[in-house]
PDB file of N, CA and C in Angstrom:
ATOM      1  N   MET A   1       9.314  -6.638  20.154  1.00  0.00           N
ATOM      2  CA  MET A   1       9.976  -6.493  18.472  1.00  0.00           C
ATOM      3  C   MET A   1      10.045  -7.537  17.875  1.00  0.00           C
ATOM      4  N   LYS A   2      10.128  -8.265  18.202  1.00  0.00           N
ATOM      5  CA  LYS A   2       9.831 -10.098  17.726  1.00  0.00           C
ATOM      6  C   LYS A   2       8.266 -10.205  17.075  1.00  0.00           C
ATOM      7  N   ASN A   3       7.476  -9.575  17.646  1.00  0.00           N
ATOM      8  CA  ASN A   3       5.873  -9.374  16.844  1.00  0.00           C
ATOM      9  C   ASN A   3       5.600  -8.381  16.286  1.00  0.00           C
ATOM     10  N   LYS A   4       6.523  -7.243  15.874  1.00  0.00           N
ATOM     11  CA  LYS A   4       6.471  -6.239  15.102  1.00  0.00           C
ATOM     12  C   LYS A   4       7.215  -7.039  13.744  1.00  0.00           C
ATOM     13  N   SER A   5       8.612  -7.730  13.534  1.00  0.00           N
ATOM     14  CA  SER A   5       8.969  -7.967  12.883  1.00  0.00           C
ATOM     15  C   SER A   5       7.882  -8.826  12.060  1.00  0.00           C
ATOM     16  N   PHE A   6       7.111  -9.997  12.771  1.00  0.00           N
ATOM     17  CA  PHE A   6       6.301 -10.808  11.979  1.00  0.00           C
ATOM     18  C   PHE A   6       4.988 -10.038  11.837  1.00  0.00           C
ATOM     19  N   VAL A   7       4.245  -8.972  12.450  1.00  0.00           N
ATOM     20  CA  VAL A   7       3.451  -8.332  11.790  1.00  0.00           C
ATOM     21  C   VAL A   7       3.763  -7.997  10.557  1.00  0.00           C
ATOM     22  N   ILE A   8       5.568  -7.271  10.236  1.00  0.00           N
ATOM     23  CA  ILE A   8       5.650  -6.717   9.020  1.00  0.00           C
ATOM     24  C   ILE A   8       5.938  -7.625   7.895  1.00  0.00           C
ATOM     25  N   MET A   9       6.291  -8.763   8.113  1.00  0.00           N
ATOM     26  CA  MET A   9       6.083  -9.833   7.604  1.00  0.00           C
ATOM     27  C   MET A   9       5.087 -10.713   6.325  1.00  0.00           C
ATOM     28  N   LEU A  10       4.235 -10.729   7.740  1.00  0.00           N
ATOM     29  CA  LEU A  10       2.991 -11.322   7.631  1.00  0.00           C
ATOM     30  C   LEU A  10       1.963 -10.279   6.945  1.00  0.00           C
ATOM     31  N   ALA A  11       2.150  -8.894   6.943  1.00  0.00           N
ATOM     32  CA  ALA A  11       1.385  -7.842   6.207  1.00  0.00           C
ATOM     33  C   ALA A  11       1.984  -7.551   4.852  1.00  0.00           C
ATOM     34  N   THR A  12       3.390  -8.061   4.576  1.00  0.00           N
ATOM     35  CA  THR A  12       3.490  -7.829   3.243  1.00  0.00           C
ATOM     36  C   THR A  12       3.293  -9.047   2.351  1.00  0.00           C
ATOM     37  N   LEU A  13       3.799 -10.057   3.251  1.00  0.00           N
ATOM     38  CA  LEU A  13       3.038 -11.197   2.401  1.00  0.00           C
ATOM     39  C   LEU A  13       1.930 -11.447   1.518  1.00  0.00           C
ATOM     40  N   LEU A  14       0.621 -10.640   2.618  1.00  0.00           N
ATOM     41  CA  LEU A  14      -0.398 -10.464   2.531  1.00  0.00           C
ATOM     42  C   LEU A  14      -1.121  -9.656   1.347  1.00  0.00           C
ATOM     43  N   LEU A  15      -0.196  -8.784   1.528  1.00  0.00           N
ATOM     44  CA  LEU A  15      -0.481  -7.570   0.704  1.00  0.00           C
ATOM     45  C   LEU A  15      -0.265  -8.352  -0.762  1.00  0.00           C
ATOM     46  N   GLY A  16       0.725  -8.828  -1.148  1.00  0.00           N
ATOM     47  CA  GLY A  16       1.699  -9.142  -1.906  1.00  0.00           C
ATOM     48  C   GLY A  16       0.325 -10.802  -2.600  1.00  0.00           C
ATOM     49  N   LEU A  17       0.211 -11.267  -2.072  1.00  0.00           N
ATOM     50  CA  LEU A  17      -0.909 -12.412  -2.214  1.00  0.00           C
ATOM     51  C   LEU A  17      -2.441 -11.322  -2.658  1.00  0.00           C
ATOM     52  N   CYS A  18      -2.828 -10.570  -1.757  1.00  0.00           N
ATOM     53  CA  CYS A  18      -3.945  -9.812  -2.768  1.00  0.00           C
ATOM     54  C   CYS A  18      -3.867  -9.144  -4.106  1.00  0.00           C
ATOM     55  N   LEU A  19      -2.532  -8.815  -4.386  1.00  0.00           N
ATOM     56  CA  LEU A  19      -2.604  -8.026  -5.444  1.00  0.00           C
ATOM     57  C   LEU A  19      -2.382  -8.961  -6.817  1.00  0.00           C
ATOM     58  N   SER A  20      -1.612 -10.182  -6.176  1.00  0.00           N
ATOM     59  CA  SER A  20      -1.523 -11.650  -7.331  1.00  0.00           C
ATOM     60  C   SER A  20      -2.599 -11.957  -7.237  1.00  0.00           C
ATOM     61  N   ALA A  21      -3.429 -11.937  -6.668  1.00  0.00           N
ATOM     62  CA  ALA A  21      -4.703 -12.779  -6.935  1.00  0.00           C
ATOM     63  C   ALA A  21      -5.575 -12.143  -8.251  1.00  0.00           C
ATOM     64  N   MET A  22      -5.026 -10.736  -7.846  1.00  0.00           N
ATOM     65  CA  MET A  22      -5.875  -9.739  -8.982  1.00  0.00           C
ATOM     66  C   MET A  22      -5.014  -9.371  -9.983  1.00  0.00           C
ATOM     67  N   PRO A  23      -4.418 -10.021 -10.926  1.00  0.00           N
ATOM     68  CA  PRO A  23      -3.369  -9.585 -11.948  1.00  0.00           C
ATOM     69  C   PRO A  23      -3.907  -8.007 -12.664  1.00  0.00           C
ATOM     70  N   ALA A  24      -5.338  -8.332 -12.957  1.00  0.00           N
ATOM     71  CA  ALA A  24      -5.858  -7.316 -14.058  1.00  0.00           C
ATOM     72  C   ALA A  24      -5.293  -6.186 -13.349  1.00  0.00           C
ATOM     73  N   ALA A  25      -5.967  -5.971 -11.928  1.00  0.00           N
ATOM     74  CA  ALA A  25      -5.889  -4.682 -10.810  1.00  0.00           C
ATOM     75  C   ALA A  25      -3.964  -4.675 -10.569  1.00  0.00           C
ATOM     76  N   ALA A  26      -3.238  -5.463 -10.823  1.00  0.00           N
ATOM     77  CA  ALA A  26      -2.145  -5.643 -10.456  1.00  0.00           C
ATOM     78  C   ALA A  26      -0.833  -4.894 -11.657  1.00  0.00           C
ATOM     79  N   ALA A  27      -1.821  -5.157 -12.027  1.00  0.00           N
ATOM     80  CA  ALA A  27      -0.946  -4.871 -13.862  1.00  0.00           C
ATOM     81  C   ALA A  27      -1.242  -3.364 -13.514  1.00  0.00           C
ATOM     82  N   ASP A  28      -2.551  -2.923 -13.590  1.00  0.00           N
ATOM     83  CA  ASP A  28      -3.325  -1.555 -13.699  1.00  0.00           C
ATOM     84  C   ASP A  28      -2.392  -0.499 -12.079  1.00  0.00           C
ATOM     85  N   LEU A  29      -2.743  -1.386 -11.614  1.00  0.00           N
ATOM     86  CA  LEU A  29      -1.244  -0.825 -10.110  1.00  0.00           C
ATOM     87  C   LEU A  29      -0.340  -0.179 -10.863  1.00  0.00           C
ATOM     88  N   ALA A  30       0.782  -1.290 -11.213  1.00  0.00           N
ATOM     89  CA  ALA A  30       2.070  -1.338 -11.992  1.00  0.00           C
ATOM     90  C   ALA A  30       2.159   0.421 -12.636  1.00  0.00           C
ATOM     91  N   GLN A  31       1.049  -0.138 -14.022  1.00  0.00           N
ATOM     92  CA  GLN A  31       0.541   0.994 -14.640  1.00  0.00           C
ATOM     93  C   GLN A  31       0.258   2.408 -14.397  1.00  0.00           C
ATOM     94  N   SER A  32      -0.716   2.323 -13.120  1.00  0.00           N
ATOM     95  CA  SER A  32      -0.425   3.814 -12.274  1.00  0.00           C
ATOM     96  C   SER A  32       0.599   4.369 -11.614  1.00  0.00           C
ATOM     97  N   LYS A  33       1.301   3.836 -10.886  1.00  0.00           N
ATOM     98  CA  LYS A  33       2.515   3.869 -10.247  1.00  0.00           C
ATOM     99  C   LYS A  33       3.393   4.601 -11.631  1.00  0.00           C
ATOM    100  N   ALA A  34       3.884   3.571 -12.698  1.00  0.00           N
ATOM    101  CA  ALA A  34       4.950   4.166 -13.077  1.00  0.00           C
ATOM    102  C   ALA A  34       4.566   5.327 -14.283  1.00  0.00           C
ATOM    103  N   ALA A  35       3.091   5.607 -14.172  1.00  0.00           N
ATOM    104  CA  ALA A  35       2.959   7.072 -14.282  1.00  0.00           C
ATOM    105  C   ALA A  35       2.676   8.196 -13.802  1.00  0.00           C
ATOM    106  N   GLY A  36       3.139   7.932 -12.489  1.00  0.00           N
ATOM    107  CA  GLY A  36       2.985   9.027 -12.023  1.00  0.00           C
ATOM    108  C   GLY A  36       1.850   9.437 -11.130  1.00  0.00           C
ATOM    109  N   GLN A  37       0.691   8.485 -11.084  1.00  0.00           N
ATOM    110  CA  GLN A  37      -0.596   8.654 -10.673  1.00  0.00           C
ATOM    111  C   GLN A  37      -0.784   8.483  -9.473  1.00  0.00           C
ATOM    112  N   VAL A  38      -0.456   7.463  -9.265  1.00  0.00           N
ATOM    113  CA  VAL A  38      -0.354   6.829  -8.197  1.00  0.00           C
ATOM    114  C   VAL A  38       0.920   6.417  -6.855  1.00  0.00           C
ATOM    115  N   GLY A  39       0.714   6.568  -5.407  1.00  0.00           N
ATOM    116  CA  GLY A  39       2.065   6.454  -4.763  1.00  0.00           C
ATOM    117  C   GLY A  39       1.750   5.863  -3.517  1.00  0.00           C
ATOM    118  N   GLU A  40       2.657   5.465  -3.016  1.00  0.00           N
ATOM    119  CA  GLU A  40       1.885   4.772  -1.704  1.00  0.00           C
ATOM    120  C   GLU A  40       2.090   5.928   0.173  1.00  0.00           C
ATOM    121  N   GLN A  41       1.247   5.765   0.463  1.00  0.00           N
ATOM    122  CA  GLN A  41       1.005   6.595   1.407  1.00  0.00           C
ATOM    123  C   GLN A  41       1.993   6.263   2.776  1.00  0.00           C
ATOM    124  N   MET A  42       2.238   7.105   4.032  1.00  0.00           N
ATOM    125  CA  MET A  42       2.906   6.617   5.301  1.00  0.00           C
ATOM    126  C   MET A  42       1.994   6.023   5.759  1.00  0.00           C
ATOM    127  N   ASN A  43       0.578   5.954   6.014  1.00  0.00           N
ATOM    128  CA  ASN A  43      -0.263   5.543   6.557  1.00  0.00           C
ATOM    129  C   ASN A  43      -0.783   3.875   6.004  1.00  0.00           C
ATOM    130  N   GLY A  44       0.328   3.674   4.783  1.00  0.00           N
ATOM    131  CA  GLY A  44      -0.196   2.239   4.565  1.00  0.00           C
ATOM    132  C   GLY A  44      -1.397   1.989   3.418  1.00  0.00           C
ATOM    133  N   LEU A  45      -1.737   3.293   3.013  1.00  0.00           N
ATOM    134  CA  LEU A  45      -2.257   2.841   1.677  1.00  0.00           C
ATOM    135  C   LEU A  45      -1.990   3.733   0.792  1.00  0.00           C
ATOM    136  N   LEU A  46      -2.559   3.848  -0.665  1.00  0.00           N
ATOM    137  CA  LEU A  46      -2.418   4.190  -1.435  1.00  0.00           C
ATOM    138  C   LEU A  46      -3.016   5.318  -1.740  1.00  0.00           C
ATOM    139  N   GLY A  47      -2.263   6.277  -2.708  1.00  0.00           N
ATOM    140  CA  GLY A  47      -2.917   7.856  -2.546  1.00  0.00           C
ATOM    141  C   GLY A  47      -2.526   8.301  -3.753  1.00  0.00           C
ATOM    142  N   LEU A  48      -3.693   9.356  -4.232  1.00  0.00           N
ATOM    143  CA  LEU A  48      -3.265   9.438  -5.678  1.00  0.00           C
ATOM    144  C   LEU A  48      -2.965  10.793  -5.694  1.00  0.00           C
ATOM    145  N   VAL A  49      -1.568  10.773  -6.527  1.00  0.00           N
ATOM    146  CA  VAL A  49      -0.006  11.647  -6.377  1.00  0.00           C
ATOM    147  C   VAL A  49      -1.346  12.669  -7.647  1.00  0.00           C
ATOM    148  N   ASP A  50      -1.667  12.367  -8.484  1.00  0.00           N
ATOM    149  CA  ASP A  50      -2.029  13.333  -9.367  1.00  0.00           C
ATOM    150  C   ASP A  50      -3.393  13.115  -8.910  1.00  0.00           C
ATOM    151  N   PRO A  51      -4.590  14.599  -8.490  1.00  0.00           N
ATOM    152  CA  PRO A  51      -5.232  14.219  -8.077  1.00  0.00           C
ATOM    153  C   PRO A  51      -6.783  14.468  -9.781  1.00  0.00           C
ATOM    154  N   ASN A  52      -5.953  14.874 -10.765  1.00  0.00           N
ATOM    155  CA  ASN A  52      -6.600  14.664 -11.925  1.00  0.00           C
ATOM    156  C   ASN A  52      -6.572  13.206 -12.325  1.00  0.00           C
ATOM    157  N   ALA A  53      -6.355  12.448 -11.737  1.00  0.00           N
ATOM    158  CA  ALA A  53      -6.247  10.889 -12.479  1.00  0.00           C
ATOM    159  C   ALA A  53      -7.694  10.440 -13.084  1.00  0.00           C
ATOM    160  N   PRO A  54      -7.464   9.326 -13.902  1.00  0.00           N
ATOM    161  CA  PRO A  54      -8.802   9.325 -14.594  1.00  0.00           C
ATOM    162  C   PRO A  54      -9.876   8.174 -13.443  1.00  0.00           C
ATOM    163  N   ALA A  55     -11.273   8.796 -13.473  1.00  0.00           N
ATOM    164  CA  ALA A  55     -11.970   7.695 -12.765  1.00  0.00           C
ATOM    165  C   ALA A  55     -11.899   6.303 -12.508  1.00  0.00           C
ATOM    166  N   ASP A  56     -11.101   5.366 -12.953  1.00  0.00           N
ATOM    167  CA  ASP A  56     -11.229   4.233 -13.242  1.00  0.00           C
ATOM    168  C   ASP A  56      -9.720   3.879 -12.196  1.00  0.00           C
ATOM    169  N   VAL A  57      -8.698   4.840 -12.337  1.00  0.00           N
ATOM    170  CA  VAL A  57      -7.462   4.973 -11.446  1.00  0.00           C
ATOM    171  C   VAL A  57      -8.223   5.118 -10.055  1.00  0.00           C
ATOM    172  N   LYS A  58      -8.729   6.552  -9.783  1.00  0.00           N
ATOM    173  CA  LYS A  58      -9.585   6.138  -8.352  1.00  0.00           C
ATOM    174  C   LYS A  58     -10.343   5.629  -7.965  1.00  0.00           C
ATOM    175  N   ALA A  59     -11.007   4.759  -8.833  1.00  0.00           N
ATOM    176  CA  ALA A  59     -11.761   3.272  -8.331  1.00  0.00           C
ATOM    177  C   ALA A  59     -10.999   2.264  -7.882  1.00  0.00           C
ATOM    178  N   LEU A  60      -9.575   1.965  -8.974  1.00  0.00           N
ATOM    179  CA  LEU A  60      -9.038   0.978  -8.577  1.00  0.00           C
ATOM    180  C   LEU A  60      -7.791   1.392  -6.999  1.00  0.00           C
ATOM    181  N   VAL A  61      -7.374   2.334  -7.116  1.00  0.00           N
ATOM    182  CA  VAL A  61      -7.004   2.954  -5.829  1.00  0.00           C
ATOM    183  C   VAL A  61      -7.872   2.537  -4.224  1.00  0.00           C
ATOM    184  N   ASP A  62      -9.398   2.809  -4.620  1.00  0.00           N
ATOM    185  CA  ASP A  62     -10.539   2.503  -3.585  1.00  0.00           C
ATOM    186  C   ASP A  62     -10.543   1.731  -3.173  1.00  0.00           C
ATOM    187  N   SER A  63     -10.374   0.526  -4.097  1.00  0.00           N
ATOM    188  CA  SER A  63     -10.651  -0.955  -4.325  1.00  0.00           C
ATOM    189  C   SER A  63      -9.396  -1.654  -3.512  1.00  0.00           C
ATOM    190  N   ILE A  64      -8.264  -1.156  -3.748  1.00  0.00           N
ATOM    191  CA  ILE A  64      -7.195  -1.981  -3.082  1.00  0.00           C
ATOM    192  C   ILE A  64      -6.921  -1.473  -1.314  1.00  0.00           C
ATOM    193  N   ASN A  65      -7.355   0.376  -1.571  1.00  0.00           N
ATOM    194  CA  ASN A  65      -7.129   0.372  -0.429  1.00  0.00           C
ATOM    195  C   ASN A  65      -8.577  -0.281   0.583  1.00  0.00           C
ATOM    196  N   ALA A  66      -9.681  -0.709   0.356  1.00  0.00           N
ATOM    197  CA  ALA A  66     -10.038  -1.033   1.321  1.00  0.00           C
ATOM    198  C   ALA A  66     -10.180  -2.865   1.296  1.00  0.00           C
ATOM    199  N   GLN A  67      -8.887  -3.209   0.825  1.00  0.00           N
ATOM    200  CA  GLN A  67      -8.738  -4.804   0.279  1.00  0.00           C
ATOM    201  C   GLN A  67      -7.399  -4.607   1.856  1.00  0.00           C
ATOM    202  N   ARG A  68      -6.809  -3.628   1.326  1.00  0.00           N
ATOM    203  CA  ARG A  68      -5.622  -3.585   2.709  1.00  0.00           C
ATOM    204  C   ARG A  68      -6.208  -3.329   3.936  1.00  0.00           C
ATOM    205  N   LEU A  69      -7.220  -2.449   3.689  1.00  0.00           N
ATOM    206  CA  LEU A  69      -7.766  -2.316   5.326  1.00  0.00           C
ATOM    207  C   LEU A  69      -8.271  -3.472   5.750  1.00  0.00           C
ATOM    208  N   ALA A  70      -8.821  -3.987   4.712  1.00  0.00           N
ATOM    209  CA  ALA A  70      -9.201  -5.568   5.622  1.00  0.00           C
ATOM    210  C   ALA A  70      -8.332  -6.366   5.948  1.00  0.00           C
ATOM    211  N   GLU A  71      -7.123  -6.484   5.220  1.00  0.00           N
ATOM    212  CA  GLU A  71      -6.250  -7.497   5.942  1.00  0.00           C
ATOM    213  C   GLU A  71      -5.173  -6.722   6.930  1.00  0.00           C
ATOM    214  N   TYR A  72      -5.078  -5.662   7.137  1.00  0.00           N
ATOM    215  CA  TYR A  72      -5.039  -4.607   8.571  1.00  0.00           C
ATOM    216  C   TYR A  72      -5.771  -5.509   9.235  1.00  0.00           C
ATOM    217  N   GLN A  73      -7.051  -4.943   9.372  1.00  0.00           N
ATOM    218  CA  GLN A  73      -7.618  -5.213  10.559  1.00  0.00           C
ATOM    219  C   GLN A  73      -7.518  -6.523  10.873  1.00  0.00           C
ATOM    220  N   ARG A  74      -7.644  -7.514   9.559  1.00  0.00           N
ATOM    221  CA  ARG A  74      -7.555  -9.455   9.843  1.00  0.00           C
ATOM    222  C   ARG A  74      -6.471  -9.882  10.520  1.00  0.00           C
ATOM    223  N   ILE A  75      -4.888  -8.594  10.155  1.00  0.00           N
ATOM    224  CA  ILE A  75      -3.605  -9.381  10.721  1.00  0.00           C
ATOM    225  C   ILE A  75      -3.586  -8.949  12.199  1.00  0.00           C
ATOM    226  N   ALA A  76      -4.257  -7.377  12.542  1.00  0.00           N
ATOM    227  CA  ALA A  76      -4.211  -6.482  13.759  1.00  0.00           C
ATOM    228  C   ALA A  76      -4.929  -7.765  14.836  1.00  0.00           C
ATOM    229  N   THR A  77      -5.923  -7.926  14.485  1.00  0.00           N
ATOM    230  CA  THR A  77      -7.407  -9.035  15.398  1.00  0.00           C
ATOM    231  C   THR A  77      -6.243 -10.053  15.735  1.00  0.00           C
ATOM    232  N   LYS A  78      -5.549 -10.983  14.435  1.00  0.00           N
ATOM    233  CA  LYS A  78      -4.945 -12.566  15.105  1.00  0.00           C
ATOM    234  C   LYS A  78      -3.502 -12.170  15.810  1.00  0.00           C
ATOM    235  N   ASN A  79      -3.128 -10.748  15.827  1.00  0.00           N
ATOM    236  CA  ASN A  79      -1.771 -11.082  16.712  1.00  0.00           C
ATOM    237  C   ASN A  79      -2.140  -9.926  18.049  1.00  0.00           C
ATOM    238  N   GLY A  80      -3.338  -9.354  18.165  1.00  0.00           N
ATOM    239  CA  GLY A  80      -3.227  -8.491  18.978  1.00  0.00           C
ATOM    240  C   GLY A  80      -2.808  -7.183  19.428  1.00  0.00           C
ATOM    241  N   VAL A  81      -2.758  -6.349  17.954  1.00  0.00           N
ATOM    242  CA  VAL A  81      -2.325  -5.160  18.110  1.00  0.00           C
ATOM    243  C   VAL A  81      -3.419  -4.180  17.004  1.00  0.00           C
ATOM    244  N   PRO A  82      -3.025  -2.817  17.167  1.00  0.00           N
ATOM    245  CA  PRO A  82      -3.839  -2.235  16.722  1.00  0.00           C
ATOM    246  C   PRO A  82      -3.838  -2.105  15.044  1.00  0.00           C
ATOM    247  N   ALA A  83      -4.680  -2.012  14.392  1.00  0.00           N
ATOM    248  CA  ALA A  83      -4.452  -2.251  12.816  1.00  0.00           C
ATOM    249  C   ALA A  83      -3.838  -1.053  12.283  1.00  0.00           C
ATOM    250  N   ASP A  84      -3.762   0.217  13.215  1.00  0.00           N
ATOM    251  CA  ASP A  84      -2.908   1.747  12.204  1.00  0.00           C
ATOM    252  C   ASP A  84      -2.153   1.061  12.731  1.00  0.00           C
ATOM    253  N   GLU A  85      -1.008  -0.011  13.247  1.00  0.00           N
ATOM    254  CA  GLU A  85       0.295  -0.140  13.891  1.00  0.00           C
ATOM    255  C   GLU A  85       0.587  -0.898  12.797  1.00  0.00           C
ATOM    256  N   VAL A  86      -0.033  -2.123  12.432  1.00  0.00           N
ATOM    257  CA  VAL A  86       0.123  -2.599  11.210  1.00  0.00           C
ATOM    258  C   VAL A  86       0.340  -2.102  10.063  1.00  0.00           C
ATOM    259  N   ALA A  87      -0.858  -1.000   9.613  1.00  0.00           N
ATOM    260  CA  ALA A  87      -0.480  -0.436   8.340  1.00  0.00           C
ATOM    261  C   ALA A  87       0.582   0.956   8.167  1.00  0.00           C
ATOM    262  N   ARG A  88       0.837   1.139   9.441  1.00  0.00           N
ATOM    263  CA  ARG A  88       2.190   2.130   9.719  1.00  0.00           C
ATOM    264  C   ARG A  88       3.431   1.176   9.495  1.00  0.00           C
ATOM    265  N   LEU A  89       3.567   0.076  10.127  1.00  0.00           N
ATOM    266  CA  LEU A  89       4.777  -0.759   9.491  1.00  0.00           C
ATOM    267  C   LEU A  89       4.955  -1.551   8.326  1.00  0.00           C
ATOM    268  N   THR A  90       3.426  -1.587   7.311  1.00  0.00           N
ATOM    269  CA  THR A  90       3.741  -2.157   6.037  1.00  0.00           C
ATOM    270  C   THR A  90       3.941  -1.400   5.580  1.00  0.00           C
ATOM    271  N   ALA A  91       3.584   0.060   5.741  1.00  0.00           N
ATOM    272  CA  ALA A  91       3.963   1.474   5.126  1.00  0.00           C
ATOM    273  C   ALA A  91       5.543   1.270   4.842  1.00  0.00           C
ATOM    274  N   GLN A  92       5.845   0.925   6.017  1.00  0.00           N
ATOM    275  CA  GLN A  92       7.508   1.374   6.073  1.00  0.00           C
ATOM    276  C   GLN A  92       8.210   0.301   4.709  1.00  0.00           C
ATOM    277  N   LYS A  93       7.913  -0.352   5.174  1.00  0.00           N
ATOM    278  CA  LYS A  93       8.467  -1.421   4.358  1.00  0.00           C
ATOM    279  C   LYS A  93       7.874  -1.247   2.831  1.00  0.00           C
ATOM    280  N   VAL A  94       6.559  -1.469   2.510  1.00  0.00           N
ATOM    281  CA  VAL A  94       6.512  -0.983   1.112  1.00  0.00           C
ATOM    282  C   VAL A  94       7.308   0.394   0.912  1.00  0.00           C
ATOM    283  N   ILE A  95       7.128   1.562   1.283  1.00  0.00           N
ATOM    284  CA  ILE A  95       7.763   2.789   0.913  1.00  0.00           C
ATOM    285  C   ILE A  95       9.301   2.022   0.624  1.00  0.00           C
ATOM    286  N   ASP A  96       9.948   1.303   1.544  1.00  0.00           N
ATOM    287  CA  ASP A  96      11.505   1.114   1.230  1.00  0.00           C
ATOM    288  C   ASP A  96      11.331   0.120   0.285  1.00  0.00           C
ATOM    289  N   GLN A  97      10.614  -0.381  -0.455  1.00  0.00           N
ATOM    290  CA  GLN A  97      10.946  -1.447  -1.547  1.00  0.00           C
ATOM    291  C   GLN A  97      10.155  -0.548  -3.069  1.00  0.00           C
ATOM    292  N   ALA A  98       9.816   0.342  -2.622  1.00  0.00           N
ATOM    293  CA  ALA A  98       9.277   1.225  -3.857  1.00  0.00           C
ATOM    294  C   ALA A  98      10.296   1.676  -4.800  1.00  0.00           C
ATOM    295  N   GLY A  99       9.943   1.379  -6.043  1.00  0.00           N
ATOM    296  CA  GLY A  99      10.915   0.993  -7.362  1.00  0.00           C
ATOM    297  C   GLY A  99      10.875   2.475  -7.909  1.00  0.00           C
ATOM    298  N   PRO A 100      12.263   3.018  -8.757  1.00  0.00           N
ATOM    299  CA  PRO A 100      12.555   3.464  -9.241  1.00  0.00           C
ATOM    300  C   PRO A 100      11.666   4.806  -9.936  1.00  0.00           C
ATOM    301  N   GLY A 101      11.143   5.891  -9.684  1.00  0.00           N
ATOM    302  CA  GLY A 101      10.382   6.393 -10.385  1.00  0.00           C
ATOM    303  C   GLY A 101       9.115   6.414  -9.809  1.00  0.00           C
ATOM    304  N   HIS A 102       9.185   5.525  -8.895  1.00  0.00           N
ATOM    305  CA  HIS A 102       7.510   5.806  -8.322  1.00  0.00           C
ATOM    306  C   HIS A 102       7.539   6.733  -6.882  1.00  0.00           C
ATOM    307  N   TYR A 103       6.153   6.929  -6.834  1.00  0.00           N
ATOM    308  CA  TYR A 103       6.017   8.096  -5.874  1.00  0.00           C
ATOM    309  C   TYR A 103       5.839   7.797  -4.550  1.00  0.00           C
ATOM    310  N   VAL A 104       5.942   7.973  -3.052  1.00  0.00           N
ATOM    311  CA  VAL A 104       6.172   7.812  -2.358  1.00  0.00           C
ATOM    312  C   VAL A 104       5.876   9.111  -1.523  1.00  0.00           C
ATOM    313  N   GLN A 105       4.959   8.957  -0.067  1.00  0.00           N
ATOM    314  CA  GLN A 105       4.524  10.030   0.610  1.00  0.00           C
ATOM    315  C   GLN A 105       5.375   9.903   2.134  1.00  0.00           C
ATOM    316  N   THR A 106       5.821  11.630   1.784  1.00  0.00           N
ATOM    317  CA  THR A 106       6.976  11.891   3.363  1.00  0.00           C
ATOM    318  C   THR A 106       6.302  12.872   3.735  1.00  0.00           C
ATOM    319  N   PRO A 107       6.978  13.457   5.486  1.00  0.00           N
ATOM    320  CA  PRO A 107       6.129  14.340   5.821  1.00  0.00           C
ATOM    321  C   PRO A 107       6.393  15.561   4.993  1.00  0.00           C
ATOM    322  N   SER A 108       6.902  15.900   3.946  1.00  0.00           N
ATOM    323  CA  SER A 108       7.141  17.147   2.936  1.00  0.00           C
ATOM    324  C   SER A 108       5.879  17.211   1.881  1.00  0.00           C
ATOM    325  N   GLY A 109       5.358  15.924   1.794  1.00  0.00           N
ATOM    326  CA  GLY A 109       4.863  15.570   0.333  1.00  0.00           C
ATOM    327  C   GLY A 109       5.266  14.435  -0.267  1.00  0.00           C
ATOM    328  N   TRP A 110       4.823  14.462  -1.823  1.00  0.00           N
ATOM    329  CA  TRP A 110       4.966  13.015  -2.642  1.00  0.00           C
ATOM    330  C   TRP A 110       6.612  13.389  -3.083  1.00  0.00           C
ATOM    331  N   GLN A 111       7.533  12.212  -3.163  1.00  0.00           N
ATOM    332  CA  GLN A 111       8.758  12.005  -3.687  1.00  0.00           C
ATOM    333  C   GLN A 111       8.858  11.367  -4.438  1.00  0.00           C
ATOM    334  N   ARG A 112       9.620  11.286  -5.448  1.00  0.00           N
ATOM    335  CA  ARG A 112       9.745  10.933  -6.565  1.00  0.00           C
ATOM    336  C   ARG A 112      10.866   9.844  -6.433  1.00  0.00           C
ATOM    337  N   ARG A 113      10.779   8.678  -6.296  1.00  0.00           N
ATOM    338  CA  ARG A 113      12.571   7.586  -6.224  1.00  0.00           C
ATOM    339  C   ARG A 113      12.930   7.555  -7.229  1.00  0.00           C
TER     340      ARG A 113
END
């Protein structure tokens, strides 16, 4: 259990660092979330809430998801846990911290906070 807490903390920190390292992308992501185009999925990746989102929003989601997957794998390898576990635990944390008006994925679909 202690290992899971460490993995969650580390994954959340690293995701924050990834986003802060690219301020323009972070701003675009915040705008896309506020516009209801993008939301946090239960698998630890971003998802398109609006299937008709502009191409640049889709490209942003793809880029951030690629970075997240790389970080999940790096954390998993370092801690000897499966990458999907790191992603799932991070997703729980990120979804819990979603801002008002942002979309999160639930078992029944997208839900606005």
